[in-house]
Amino acid sequence: MFRVWGKIFKDNHMLRDTVVCDDSDDTRTHKVMRALEEMCYTFDLGKPIWLESNIRDFQHHAKTRFHQDSFVEEIDFDYLEFQVIEED
């Protein structure tokens, strides 16, 4: 089972969260991208852009934060945290 936890924060308070599960035999990269897409659909957000800092954080910690500079449209929160919580 592959699970990702997505959380939206504003002023150091978690406003919303969701867990996306994927038990397919696909690659880790495809699971990550699909989880982010499903999470953004759940939160009614446009998909964020993976900046170099996001890629580096995710590779080292299996967790990253998408701030305003990762989104094309204006967001009404501080950041979207994206964290792998279980991998098979």
PDB file of N, CA and C in Angstrom:
ATOM      1  N   MET A   1       0.848  -1.185   0.000  1.00  0.00           N
ATOM      2  CA  MET A   1       0.000   0.000   0.000  1.00  0.00           C
ATOM      3  C   MET A   1       0.887   1.239   0.000  1.00  0.00           C
ATOM      4  N   PHE A   2       0.523   2.196  -0.801  1.00  0.00           N
ATOM      5  CA  PHE A   2       1.217   3.475  -0.903  1.00  0.00           C
ATOM      6  C   PHE A   2       0.232   4.537  -0.450  1.00  0.00           C
ATOM      7  N   ARG A   3       0.588   5.286   0.590  1.00  0.00           N
ATOM      8  CA  ARG A   3      -0.319   6.311   1.123  1.00  0.00           C
ATOM      9  C   ARG A   3       0.402   7.646   1.232  1.00  0.00           C
ATOM     10  N   VAL A   4      -0.324   8.690   0.850  1.00  0.00           N
ATOM     11  CA  VAL A   4       0.197  10.056   0.920  1.00  0.00           C
ATOM     12  C   VAL A   4      -0.785  10.896   1.726  1.00  0.00           C
ATOM     13  N   TRP A   5      -0.234  11.721   2.601  1.00  0.00           N
ATOM     14  CA  TRP A   5      -1.053  12.595   3.435  1.00  0.00           C
ATOM     15  C   TRP A   5      -0.868  14.021   2.937  1.00  0.00           C
ATOM     16  N   GLY A   6      -1.964  14.662   2.582  1.00  0.00           N
ATOM     17  CA  GLY A   6      -1.939  16.047   2.144  1.00  0.00           C
ATOM     18  C   GLY A   6      -2.608  16.940   3.160  1.00  0.00           C
ATOM     19  N   LYS A   7      -1.962  18.073   3.471  1.00  0.00           N
ATOM     20  CA  LYS A   7      -2.489  18.987   4.488  1.00  0.00           C
ATOM     21  C   LYS A   7      -2.376  20.420   3.992  1.00  0.00           C
ATOM     22  N   ILE A   8      -3.395  21.209   4.245  1.00  0.00           N
ATOM     23  CA  ILE A   8      -3.383  22.628   3.914  1.00  0.00           C
ATOM     24  C   ILE A   8      -3.246  23.415   5.215  1.00  0.00           C
ATOM     25  N   PHE A   9      -2.254  24.319   5.244  1.00  0.00           N
ATOM     26  CA  PHE A   9      -1.976  25.114   6.439  1.00  0.00           C
ATOM     27  C   PHE A   9      -2.129  26.606   6.169  1.00  0.00           C
ATOM     28  N   LYS A  10      -2.625  27.306   7.164  1.00  0.00           N
ATOM     29  CA  LYS A  10      -2.650  28.767   7.159  1.00  0.00           C
ATOM     30  C   LYS A  10      -2.397  29.241   8.581  1.00  0.00           C
ATOM     31  N   ASP A  11      -1.461  30.161   8.742  1.00  0.00           N
ATOM     32  CA  ASP A  11      -1.087  30.703  10.061  1.00  0.00           C
ATOM     33  C   ASP A  11      -0.764  29.588  11.060  1.00  0.00           C
ATOM     34  N   ASN A  12      -0.018  28.581  10.606  1.00  0.00           N
ATOM     35  CA  ASN A  12       0.405  27.439  11.431  1.00  0.00           C
ATOM     36  C   ASN A  12      -0.746  26.589  11.949  1.00  0.00           C
ATOM     37  N   HIS A  13      -1.897  26.650  11.296  1.00  0.00           N
ATOM     38  CA  HIS A  13      -3.035  25.804  11.648  1.00  0.00           C
ATOM     39  C   HIS A  13      -3.420  24.968  10.440  1.00  0.00           C
ATOM     40  N   MET A  14      -3.661  23.684  10.694  1.00  0.00           N
ATOM     41  CA  MET A  14      -4.089  22.821   9.610  1.00  0.00           C
ATOM     42  C   MET A  14      -5.571  23.070   9.350  1.00  0.00           C
ATOM     43  N   LEU A  15      -5.886  23.454   8.108  1.00  0.00           N
ATOM     44  CA  LEU A  15      -7.268  23.739   7.742  1.00  0.00           C
ATOM     45  C   LEU A  15      -7.987  22.496   7.217  1.00  0.00           C
ATOM     46  N   ARG A  16      -7.300  21.735   6.385  1.00  0.00           N
ATOM     47  CA  ARG A  16      -7.888  20.541   5.776  1.00  0.00           C
ATOM     48  C   ARG A  16      -6.798  19.499   5.596  1.00  0.00           C
ATOM     49  N   ASP A  17      -7.219  18.238   5.557  1.00  0.00           N
ATOM     50  CA  ASP A  17      -6.273  17.176   5.242  1.00  0.00           C
ATOM     51  C   ASP A  17      -6.998  16.026   4.560  1.00  0.00           C
ATOM     52  N   THR A  18      -6.225  15.214   3.868  1.00  0.00           N
ATOM     53  CA  THR A  18      -6.758  14.038   3.204  1.00  0.00           C
ATOM     54  C   THR A  18      -5.634  13.027   3.038  1.00  0.00           C
ATOM     55  N   VAL A  19      -6.001  11.759   2.966  1.00  0.00           N
ATOM     56  CA  VAL A  19      -5.045  10.688   2.708  1.00  0.00           C
ATOM     57  C   VAL A  19      -5.445  10.024   1.399  1.00  0.00           C
ATOM     58  N   VAL A  20      -4.465   9.864   0.516  1.00  0.00           N
ATOM     59  CA  VAL A  20      -4.687   9.210  -0.772  1.00  0.00           C
ATOM     60  C   VAL A  20      -3.961   7.870  -0.742  1.00  0.00           C
ATOM     61  N   CYS A  21      -4.678   6.799  -1.049  1.00  0.00           N
ATOM     62  CA  CYS A  21      -4.117   5.450  -1.064  1.00  0.00           C
ATOM     63  C   CYS A  21      -4.019   4.936  -2.500  1.00  0.00           C
ATOM     64  N   ASP A  22      -2.965   4.197  -2.769  1.00  0.00           N
ATOM     65  CA  ASP A  22      -2.760   3.628  -4.102  1.00  0.00           C
ATOM     66  C   ASP A  22      -2.117   2.254  -3.925  1.00  0.00           C
ATOM     67  N   ASP A  23      -2.815   1.210  -4.333  1.00  0.00           N
ATOM     68  CA  ASP A  23      -2.249  -0.140  -4.216  1.00  0.00           C
ATOM     69  C   ASP A  23      -1.974  -0.760  -5.588  1.00  0.00           C
ATOM     70  N   SER A  24      -1.761   0.099  -6.589  1.00  0.00           N
ATOM     71  CA  SER A  24      -1.452  -0.385  -7.937  1.00  0.00           C
ATOM     72  C   SER A  24       0.010  -0.859  -7.997  1.00  0.00           C
ATOM     73  N   ASP A  25       0.362  -1.510  -9.078  1.00  0.00           N
ATOM     74  CA  ASP A  25       1.729  -1.979  -9.284  1.00  0.00           C
ATOM     75  C   ASP A  25       2.546  -0.982 -10.103  1.00  0.00           C
ATOM     76  N   ASP A  26       2.107   0.244 -10.161  1.00  0.00           N
ATOM     77  CA  ASP A  26       2.773   1.287 -10.939  1.00  0.00           C
ATOM     78  C   ASP A  26       4.057   1.731 -10.246  1.00  0.00           C
ATOM     79  N   THR A  27       4.852   2.563 -10.920  1.00  0.00           N
ATOM     80  CA  THR A  27       6.096   3.066 -10.335  1.00  0.00           C
ATOM     81  C   THR A  27       5.798   4.081  -9.234  1.00  0.00           C
ATOM     82  N   ARG A  28       6.785   4.321  -8.387  1.00  0.00           N
ATOM     83  CA  ARG A  28       6.616   5.277  -7.292  1.00  0.00           C
ATOM     84  C   ARG A  28       6.308   6.665  -7.841  1.00  0.00           C
ATOM     85  N   THR A  29       7.006   7.066  -8.896  1.00  0.00           N
ATOM     86  CA  THR A  29       6.793   8.390  -9.489  1.00  0.00           C
ATOM     87  C   THR A  29       5.364   8.548  -9.974  1.00  0.00           C
ATOM     88  N   HIS A  30       4.839   7.537 -10.659  1.00  0.00           N
ATOM     89  CA  HIS A  30       3.452   7.602 -11.127  1.00  0.00           C
ATOM     90  C   HIS A  30       2.470   7.654  -9.962  1.00  0.00           C
ATOM     91  N   LYS A  31       2.753   6.909  -8.904  1.00  0.00           N
ATOM     92  CA  LYS A  31       1.885   6.932  -7.719  1.00  0.00           C
ATOM     93  C   LYS A  31       1.890   8.316  -7.076  1.00  0.00           C
ATOM     94  N   VAL A  32       3.071   8.931  -6.999  1.00  0.00           N
ATOM     95  CA  VAL A  32       3.193  10.268  -6.405  1.00  0.00           C
ATOM     96  C   VAL A  32       2.402  11.284  -7.218  1.00  0.00           C
ATOM     97  N   MET A  33       2.584  11.267  -8.527  1.00  0.00           N
ATOM     98  CA  MET A  33       1.885  12.227  -9.395  1.00  0.00           C
ATOM     99  C   MET A  33       0.372  12.022  -9.367  1.00  0.00           C
ATOM    100  N   ARG A  34      -0.053  10.780  -9.363  1.00  0.00           N
ATOM    101  CA  ARG A  34      -1.486  10.483  -9.294  1.00  0.00           C
ATOM    102  C   ARG A  34      -2.076  10.918  -7.949  1.00  0.00           C
ATOM    103  N   ALA A  35      -1.313  10.703  -6.867  1.00  0.00           N
ATOM    104  CA  ALA A  35      -1.771  11.110  -5.536  1.00  0.00           C
ATOM    105  C   ALA A  35      -1.908  12.627  -5.450  1.00  0.00           C
ATOM    106  N   LEU A  36      -0.949  13.353  -6.006  1.00  0.00           N
ATOM    107  CA  LEU A  36      -1.010  14.815  -5.992  1.00  0.00           C
ATOM    108  C   LEU A  36      -2.212  15.300  -6.801  1.00  0.00           C
ATOM    109  N   GLU A  37      -2.446  14.680  -7.938  1.00  0.00           N
ATOM    110  CA  GLU A  37      -3.587  15.061  -8.774  1.00  0.00           C
ATOM    111  C   GLU A  37      -4.913  14.812  -8.048  1.00  0.00           C
ATOM    112  N   GLU A  38      -5.033  13.653  -7.404  1.00  0.00           N
ATOM    113  CA  GLU A  38      -6.260  13.340  -6.662  1.00  0.00           C
ATOM    114  C   GLU A  38      -6.441  14.276  -5.474  1.00  0.00           C
ATOM    115  N   MET A  39      -5.348  14.599  -4.810  1.00  0.00           N
ATOM    116  CA  MET A  39      -5.395  15.507  -3.663  1.00  0.00           C
ATOM    117  C   MET A  39      -5.865  16.899  -4.090  1.00  0.00           C
ATOM    118  N   CYS A  40      -5.329  17.387  -5.181  1.00  0.00           N
ATOM    119  CA  CYS A  40      -5.712  18.709  -5.677  1.00  0.00           C
ATOM    120  C   CYS A  40      -7.172  18.718  -6.118  1.00  0.00           C
ATOM    121  N   TYR A  41      -7.646  17.616  -6.672  1.00  0.00           N
ATOM    122  CA  TYR A  41      -9.057  17.507  -7.045  1.00  0.00           C
ATOM    123  C   TYR A  41      -9.933  17.567  -5.794  1.00  0.00           C
ATOM    124  N   THR A  42      -9.524  16.851  -4.748  1.00  0.00           N
ATOM    125  CA  THR A  42     -10.268  16.845  -3.474  1.00  0.00           C
ATOM    126  C   THR A  42     -10.315  18.244  -2.865  1.00  0.00           C
ATOM    127  N   PHE A  43      -9.190  18.961  -2.896  1.00  0.00           N
ATOM    128  CA  PHE A  43      -9.101  20.305  -2.320  1.00  0.00           C
ATOM    129  C   PHE A  43      -9.570  21.397  -3.283  1.00  0.00           C
ATOM    130  N   ASP A  44      -9.947  21.031  -4.502  1.00  0.00           N
ATOM    131  CA  ASP A  44     -10.360  21.971  -5.545  1.00  0.00           C
ATOM    132  C   ASP A  44      -9.248  22.992  -5.824  1.00  0.00           C
ATOM    133  N   LEU A  45      -8.056  22.479  -6.087  1.00  0.00           N
ATOM    134  CA  LEU A  45      -6.880  23.297  -6.387  1.00  0.00           C
ATOM    135  C   LEU A  45      -6.337  22.948  -7.762  1.00  0.00           C
ATOM    136  N   GLY A  46      -5.642  23.900  -8.377  1.00  0.00           N
ATOM    137  CA  GLY A  46      -4.867  23.591  -9.561  1.00  0.00           C
ATOM    138  C   GLY A  46      -3.622  22.837  -9.126  1.00  0.00           C
ATOM    139  N   LYS A  47      -3.078  21.993 -10.002  1.00  0.00           N
ATOM    140  CA  LYS A  47      -1.883  21.238  -9.652  1.00  0.00           C
ATOM    141  C   LYS A  47      -0.685  22.166  -9.512  1.00  0.00           C
ATOM    142  N   PRO A  48       0.079  22.020  -8.435  1.00  0.00           N
ATOM    143  CA  PRO A  48       1.272  22.860  -8.257  1.00  0.00           C
ATOM    144  C   PRO A  48       2.418  22.404  -9.157  1.00  0.00           C
ATOM    145  N   ILE A  49       3.338  23.306  -9.377  1.00  0.00           N
ATOM    146  CA  ILE A  49       4.538  23.029 -10.163  1.00  0.00           C
ATOM    147  C   ILE A  49       5.622  22.530  -9.208  1.00  0.00           C
ATOM    148  N   TRP A  50       6.302  21.460  -9.603  1.00  0.00           N
ATOM    149  CA  TRP A  50       7.410  20.938  -8.802  1.00  0.00           C
ATOM    150  C   TRP A  50       8.650  21.789  -9.071  1.00  0.00           C
ATOM    151  N   LEU A  51       9.011  22.630  -8.129  1.00  0.00           N
ATOM    152  CA  LEU A  51      10.232  23.430  -8.231  1.00  0.00           C
ATOM    153  C   LEU A  51      11.421  22.593  -7.754  1.00  0.00           C
ATOM    154  N   GLU A  52      12.629  23.051  -8.047  1.00  0.00           N
ATOM    155  CA  GLU A  52      13.834  22.323  -7.630  1.00  0.00           C
ATOM    156  C   GLU A  52      13.831  22.057  -6.133  1.00  0.00           C
ATOM    157  N   SER A  53      13.417  23.040  -5.351  1.00  0.00           N
ATOM    158  CA  SER A  53      13.404  22.874  -3.890  1.00  0.00           C
ATOM    159  C   SER A  53      12.412  21.789  -3.472  1.00  0.00           C
ATOM    160  N   ASN A  54      11.264  21.702  -4.154  1.00  0.00           N
ATOM    161  CA  ASN A  54      10.282  20.657  -3.850  1.00  0.00           C
ATOM    162  C   ASN A  54      10.847  19.273  -4.165  1.00  0.00           C
ATOM    163  N   ILE A  55      11.485  19.157  -5.308  1.00  0.00           N
ATOM    164  CA  ILE A  55      12.058  17.864  -5.717  1.00  0.00           C
ATOM    165  C   ILE A  55      13.130  17.425  -4.726  1.00  0.00           C
ATOM    166  N   ARG A  56      13.994  18.343  -4.360  1.00  0.00           N
ATOM    167  CA  ARG A  56      15.085  18.032  -3.418  1.00  0.00           C
ATOM    168  C   ARG A  56      14.533  17.610  -2.055  1.00  0.00           C
ATOM    169  N   ASP A  57      13.577  18.378  -1.519  1.00  0.00           N
ATOM    170  CA  ASP A  57      12.968  18.025  -0.230  1.00  0.00           C
ATOM    171  C   ASP A  57      12.294  16.661  -0.293  1.00  0.00           C
ATOM    172  N   PHE A  58      11.563  16.417  -1.378  1.00  0.00           N
ATOM    173  CA  PHE A  58      10.834  15.160  -1.494  1.00  0.00           C
ATOM    174  C   PHE A  58      11.784  13.970  -1.624  1.00  0.00           C
ATOM    175  N   GLN A  59      12.871  14.131  -2.343  1.00  0.00           N
ATOM    176  CA  GLN A  59      13.845  13.052  -2.490  1.00  0.00           C
ATOM    177  C   GLN A  59      14.519  12.713  -1.164  1.00  0.00           C
ATOM    178  N   HIS A  60      14.776  13.715  -0.343  1.00  0.00           N
ATOM    179  CA  HIS A  60      15.474  13.478   0.929  1.00  0.00           C
ATOM    180  C   HIS A  60      14.555  13.085   2.077  1.00  0.00           C
ATOM    181  N   HIS A  61      13.334  13.616   2.088  1.00  0.00           N
ATOM    182  CA  HIS A  61      12.474  13.436   3.260  1.00  0.00           C
ATOM    183  C   HIS A  61      11.127  12.792   2.976  1.00  0.00           C
ATOM    184  N   ALA A  62      10.836  12.509   1.695  1.00  0.00           N
ATOM    185  CA  ALA A  62       9.520  11.989   1.269  1.00  0.00           C
ATOM    186  C   ALA A  62       8.404  12.942   1.707  1.00  0.00           C
ATOM    187  N   LYS A  63       8.749  14.235   1.719  1.00  0.00           N
ATOM    188  CA  LYS A  63       7.806  15.265   2.146  1.00  0.00           C
ATOM    189  C   LYS A  63       8.225  16.593   1.526  1.00  0.00           C
ATOM    190  N   THR A  64       7.244  17.390   1.113  1.00  0.00           N
ATOM    191  CA  THR A  64       7.546  18.719   0.589  1.00  0.00           C
ATOM    192  C   THR A  64       6.378  19.649   0.853  1.00  0.00           C
ATOM    193  N   ARG A  65       6.633  20.932   0.722  1.00  0.00           N
ATOM    194  CA  ARG A  65       5.589  21.949   0.888  1.00  0.00           C
ATOM    195  C   ARG A  65       5.501  22.785  -0.371  1.00  0.00           C
ATOM    196  N   PHE A  66       4.286  22.929  -0.877  1.00  0.00           N
ATOM    197  CA  PHE A  66       4.041  23.759  -2.049  1.00  0.00           C
ATOM    198  C   PHE A  66       3.486  25.099  -1.572  1.00  0.00           C
ATOM    199  N   HIS A  67       4.261  26.166  -1.783  1.00  0.00           N
ATOM    200  CA  HIS A  67       3.857  27.523  -1.409  1.00  0.00           C
ATOM    201  C   HIS A  67       3.259  28.231  -2.625  1.00  0.00           C
ATOM    202  N   GLN A  68       2.928  29.497  -2.473  1.00  0.00           N
ATOM    203  CA  GLN A  68       2.312  30.274  -3.550  1.00  0.00           C
ATOM    204  C   GLN A  68       3.122  30.228  -4.847  1.00  0.00           C
ATOM    205  N   ASP A  69       4.449  30.202  -4.751  1.00  0.00           N
ATOM    206  CA  ASP A  69       5.265  30.222  -5.965  1.00  0.00           C
ATOM    207  C   ASP A  69       5.145  28.945  -6.800  1.00  0.00           C
ATOM    208  N   SER A  70       4.541  27.897  -6.241  1.00  0.00           N
ATOM    209  CA  SER A  70       4.327  26.655  -6.987  1.00  0.00           C
ATOM    210  C   SER A  70       2.972  26.617  -7.695  1.00  0.00           C
ATOM    211  N   PHE A  71       2.107  27.560  -7.380  1.00  0.00           N
ATOM    212  CA  PHE A  71       0.763  27.582  -7.956  1.00  0.00           C
ATOM    213  C   PHE A  71       0.631  28.726  -8.952  1.00  0.00           C
ATOM    214  N   VAL A  72      -0.096  28.481 -10.024  1.00  0.00           N
ATOM    215  CA  VAL A  72      -0.335  29.512 -11.033  1.00  0.00           C
ATOM    216  C   VAL A  72      -1.369  30.504 -10.512  1.00  0.00           C
ATOM    217  N   GLU A  73      -2.454  29.989  -9.921  1.00  0.00           N
ATOM    218  CA  GLU A  73      -3.500  30.870  -9.402  1.00  0.00           C
ATOM    219  C   GLU A  73      -3.200  31.263  -7.957  1.00  0.00           C
ATOM    220  N   GLU A  74      -3.891  32.267  -7.486  1.00  0.00           N
ATOM    221  CA  GLU A  74      -3.752  32.747  -6.101  1.00  0.00           C
ATOM    222  C   GLU A  74      -4.337  31.700  -5.156  1.00  0.00           C
ATOM    223  N   ILE A  75      -3.636  31.423  -4.048  1.00  0.00           N
ATOM    224  CA  ILE A  75      -4.149  30.486  -3.047  1.00  0.00           C
ATOM    225  C   ILE A  75      -4.486  31.252  -1.777  1.00  0.00           C
ATOM    226  N   ASP A  76      -5.453  30.743  -1.008  1.00  0.00           N
ATOM    227  CA  ASP A  76      -5.878  31.432   0.216  1.00  0.00           C
ATOM    228  C   ASP A  76      -5.367  30.724   1.471  1.00  0.00           C
ATOM    229  N   PHE A  77      -4.228  30.076   1.350  1.00  0.00           N
ATOM    230  CA  PHE A  77      -3.580  29.410   2.475  1.00  0.00           C
ATOM    231  C   PHE A  77      -2.073  29.606   2.325  1.00  0.00           C
ATOM    232  N   ASP A  78      -1.306  29.195   3.331  1.00  0.00           N
ATOM    233  CA  ASP A  78       0.141  29.410   3.298  1.00  0.00           C
ATOM    234  C   ASP A  78       0.875  28.350   2.471  1.00  0.00           C
ATOM    235  N   TYR A  79       0.512  27.073   2.677  1.00  0.00           N
ATOM    236  CA  TYR A  79       1.166  26.017   1.909  1.00  0.00           C
ATOM    237  C   TYR A  79       0.368  24.715   1.956  1.00  0.00           C
ATOM    238  N   LEU A  80       0.647  23.885   0.965  1.00  0.00           N
ATOM    239  CA  LEU A  80       0.112  22.526   0.885  1.00  0.00           C
ATOM    240  C   LEU A  80       1.269  21.594   1.201  1.00  0.00           C
ATOM    241  N   GLU A  81       1.119  20.804   2.257  1.00  0.00           N
ATOM    242  CA  GLU A  81       2.162  19.843   2.616  1.00  0.00           C
ATOM    243  C   GLU A  81       1.796  18.491   2.030  1.00  0.00           C
ATOM    244  N   PHE A  82       2.763  17.831   1.426  1.00  0.00           N
ATOM    245  CA  PHE A  82       2.575  16.577   0.714  1.00  0.00           C
ATOM    246  C   PHE A  82       3.594  15.587   1.275  1.00  0.00           C
ATOM    247  N   GLN A  83       3.124  14.505   1.934  1.00  0.00           N
ATOM    248  CA  GLN A  83       4.022  13.604   2.639  1.00  0.00           C
ATOM    249  C   GLN A  83       3.641  12.151   2.412  1.00  0.00           C
ATOM    250  N   VAL A  84       4.633  11.336   2.033  1.00  0.00           N
ATOM    251  CA  VAL A  84       4.412   9.894   1.926  1.00  0.00           C
ATOM    252  C   VAL A  84       4.423   9.330   3.341  1.00  0.00           C
ATOM    253  N   ILE A  85       3.369   8.613   3.719  1.00  0.00           N
ATOM    254  CA  ILE A  85       3.306   8.061   5.068  1.00  0.00           C
ATOM    255  C   ILE A  85       3.424   6.539   5.080  1.00  0.00           C
ATOM    256  N   GLU A  86       3.289   5.900   3.914  1.00  0.00           N
ATOM    257  CA  GLU A  86       3.455   4.448   3.852  1.00  0.00           C
ATOM    258  C   GLU A  86       3.842   4.043   2.435  1.00  0.00           C
ATOM    259  N   GLU A  87       4.851   3.211   2.338  1.00  0.00           N
ATOM    260  CA  GLU A  87       5.261   2.667   1.041  1.00  0.00           C
ATOM    261  C   GLU A  87       5.382   1.163   1.169  1.00  0.00           C
ATOM    262  N   ASP A  88       5.035   0.465   0.072  1.00  0.00           N
ATOM    263  CA  ASP A  88       5.163  -0.987   0.111  1.00  0.00           C
ATOM    264  C   ASP A  88       6.517  -1.438  -0.342  1.00  0.00           C
TER     265      ASP A  88
END
